[in-house]
Amino acid sequence: MKLGDLETFVLKMAWQLGSGTVKTFYTQVKPARNVSQNTVQSTLERLYRKSILTRHKEGHAYVYQPKLSREAFTAQLLTNMVSEFESDPSMTLAAFVEQQEGVSDAKWQHLKAVVEQIKNEEAPDD
């Protein structure tokens, strides 16, 4: 899935805001980008059609919010890329982890705990 620059910017804004109407997003996007409210509305609509944002109606306006967390969305993109290149997911993950620098001990411990949890869930019952 490819996102344009404005779509990426608006999605990052959605994660920051949590949710908002077109007007909410426009007031946040306008200082950084010289775009119209209609352009922001179109961008939100495209992200909704791509199932990246959800929306519900409040009064006359839609309220948009991210469907997935930043981390879950990134994981989905990586999964798609691994599939596209027919790469081994576990080896790709290992290569990715090896390339990380500056990861705190707490985050390494969390990663180890997640791996252990997955291993335990996949282990056959004795």
Protein backbone atom coordinates (compact mmCIF):
# COMPACT_ATOMS: atom_id res chain seq x y z
CA MET A 1 0.00 0.00 0.00
CA LYS A 2 1.39 3.33 -1.02
CA LEU A 3 0.63 6.58 0.74
CA GLY A 4 1.24 10.04 -0.64
CA ASP A 5 3.08 12.69 1.33
CA LEU A 6 -0.10 14.43 2.48
CA GLU A 7 -1.75 11.11 3.37
CA THR A 8 1.28 10.21 5.49
CA PHE A 9 1.26 13.62 7.15
CA VAL A 10 -2.48 13.41 7.92
CA LEU A 11 -2.15 9.84 9.24
CA LYS A 12 0.63 10.93 11.60
CA MET A 13 -1.63 13.79 12.69
CA ALA A 14 -4.45 11.29 13.32
CA TRP A 15 -2.20 9.27 15.63
CA GLN A 16 -1.24 12.45 17.43
CA LEU A 17 -4.81 13.77 17.78
CA GLY A 18 -6.55 10.44 18.33
CA SER A 19 -9.62 11.59 16.41
CA GLY A 20 -11.12 14.65 14.82
CA THR A 21 -13.37 16.18 12.22
CA VAL A 22 -12.21 17.62 8.91
CA LYS A 23 -12.10 21.03 10.57
CA THR A 24 -9.95 19.68 13.42
CA PHE A 25 -7.47 18.17 10.99
CA TYR A 26 -7.49 21.25 8.78
CA THR A 27 -6.57 23.58 11.65
CA GLN A 28 -3.62 21.29 12.45
CA VAL A 29 -2.48 20.71 8.85
CA LYS A 30 -2.87 24.30 7.57
CA PRO A 31 0.15 25.81 9.40
CA ALA A 32 2.49 23.12 8.01
CA ARG A 33 0.99 22.70 4.55
CA ASN A 34 -0.62 25.26 2.29
CA VAL A 35 -3.73 23.20 1.47
CA SER A 36 -7.44 23.88 1.45
CA GLN A 37 -10.00 22.33 3.76
CA ASN A 38 -11.36 20.42 0.73
CA THR A 39 -7.94 18.88 0.17
CA VAL A 40 -7.78 17.74 3.79
CA GLN A 41 -11.31 16.33 3.48
CA SER A 42 -10.34 14.42 0.31
CA THR A 43 -7.23 13.08 2.02
CA LEU A 44 -9.23 11.86 5.03
CA GLU A 45 -11.74 10.25 2.66
CA ARG A 46 -8.95 8.44 0.77
CA LEU A 47 -7.47 7.15 4.04
CA TYR A 48 -10.94 5.98 5.06
CA ARG A 49 -11.47 4.17 1.71
CA LYS A 50 -8.08 2.49 2.15
CA SER A 51 -9.32 1.24 5.56
CA ILE A 52 -6.59 3.16 7.36
CA LEU A 53 -9.03 5.45 9.18
CA THR A 54 -12.44 4.73 10.60
CA ARG A 55 -15.19 7.30 10.89
CA HIS A 56 -18.52 7.87 12.53
CA LYS A 57 -20.99 10.68 12.21
CA GLU A 58 -21.48 13.23 14.98
CA GLY A 59 -24.12 15.74 14.01
CA HIS A 60 -23.36 16.82 10.46
CA ALA A 61 -19.66 15.96 10.53
CA TYR A 62 -17.65 12.77 10.35
CA VAL A 63 -15.14 12.09 13.10
CA TYR A 64 -12.09 10.24 11.78
CA GLN A 65 -9.68 8.15 13.80
CA PRO A 66 -6.88 5.68 13.02
CA LYS A 67 -8.00 2.09 12.59
CA LEU A 68 -4.67 0.76 13.87
CA SER A 69 -1.97 2.03 16.18
CA ARG A 70 1.20 3.39 14.58
CA GLU A 71 3.04 0.18 15.50
CA ALA A 72 0.31 -2.16 14.20
CA PHE A 73 0.08 -0.21 10.93
CA THR A 74 3.86 -0.30 10.49
CA ALA A 75 3.82 -4.04 11.16
CA GLN A 76 1.12 -4.45 8.51
CA LEU A 77 3.23 -2.52 5.98
CA LEU A 78 6.27 -4.66 6.80
CA THR A 79 4.22 -7.85 6.47
CA ASN A 80 3.03 -6.74 3.03
CA MET A 81 6.59 -5.92 1.97
CA VAL A 82 7.95 -9.25 3.23
CA SER A 83 5.22 -11.02 1.28
CA GLU A 84 5.85 -8.95 -1.85
CA PHE A 85 9.54 -9.86 -1.83
CA GLU A 86 8.81 -13.49 -0.84
CA SER A 87 11.15 -13.16 2.11
CA ASP A 88 11.21 -15.45 5.15
CA PRO A 89 9.38 -13.45 7.86
CA SER A 90 11.44 -14.78 10.78
CA MET A 91 14.75 -14.10 9.02
CA THR A 92 13.56 -10.63 7.99
CA LEU A 93 12.58 -9.89 11.58
CA ALA A 94 15.95 -11.11 12.80
CA ALA A 95 17.77 -8.91 10.26
CA PHE A 96 15.62 -5.94 11.28
CA VAL A 97 16.36 -6.45 14.98
CA GLU A 98 20.09 -6.77 14.27
CA GLN A 99 20.08 -3.36 12.55
CA GLN A 100 18.53 -1.49 15.46
CA GLU A 101 20.76 0.82 17.45
CA GLY A 102 20.06 2.68 20.65
CA VAL A 103 17.28 0.40 21.86
CA SER A 104 16.84 0.63 25.61
CA ASP A 105 17.27 -2.40 27.87
CA ALA A 106 13.59 -2.14 28.82
CA LYS A 107 12.52 -2.40 25.16
CA TRP A 108 14.86 -5.37 24.58
CA GLN A 109 13.34 -7.09 27.62
CA HIS A 110 9.85 -6.40 26.28
CA LEU A 111 10.80 -7.83 22.88
CA LYS A 112 12.23 -10.96 24.52
CA ALA A 113 9.04 -11.37 26.57
CA VAL A 114 6.89 -11.11 23.44
CA VAL A 115 9.00 -13.70 21.64
CA GLU A 116 8.77 -16.05 24.62
CA GLN A 117 5.01 -15.58 24.80
CA ILE A 118 4.64 -16.44 21.11
CA LYS A 119 6.89 -19.48 21.50
CA ASN A 120 4.81 -20.68 24.45
CA GLU A 121 1.56 -20.20 22.56
CA GLU A 122 2.89 -22.16 19.57
CA ALA A 123 4.42 -24.99 21.63
CA PRO A 124 2.43 -28.22 21.43
CA ASP A 125 0.77 -29.30 24.65
CA ASP A 126 2.47 -32.25 26.35
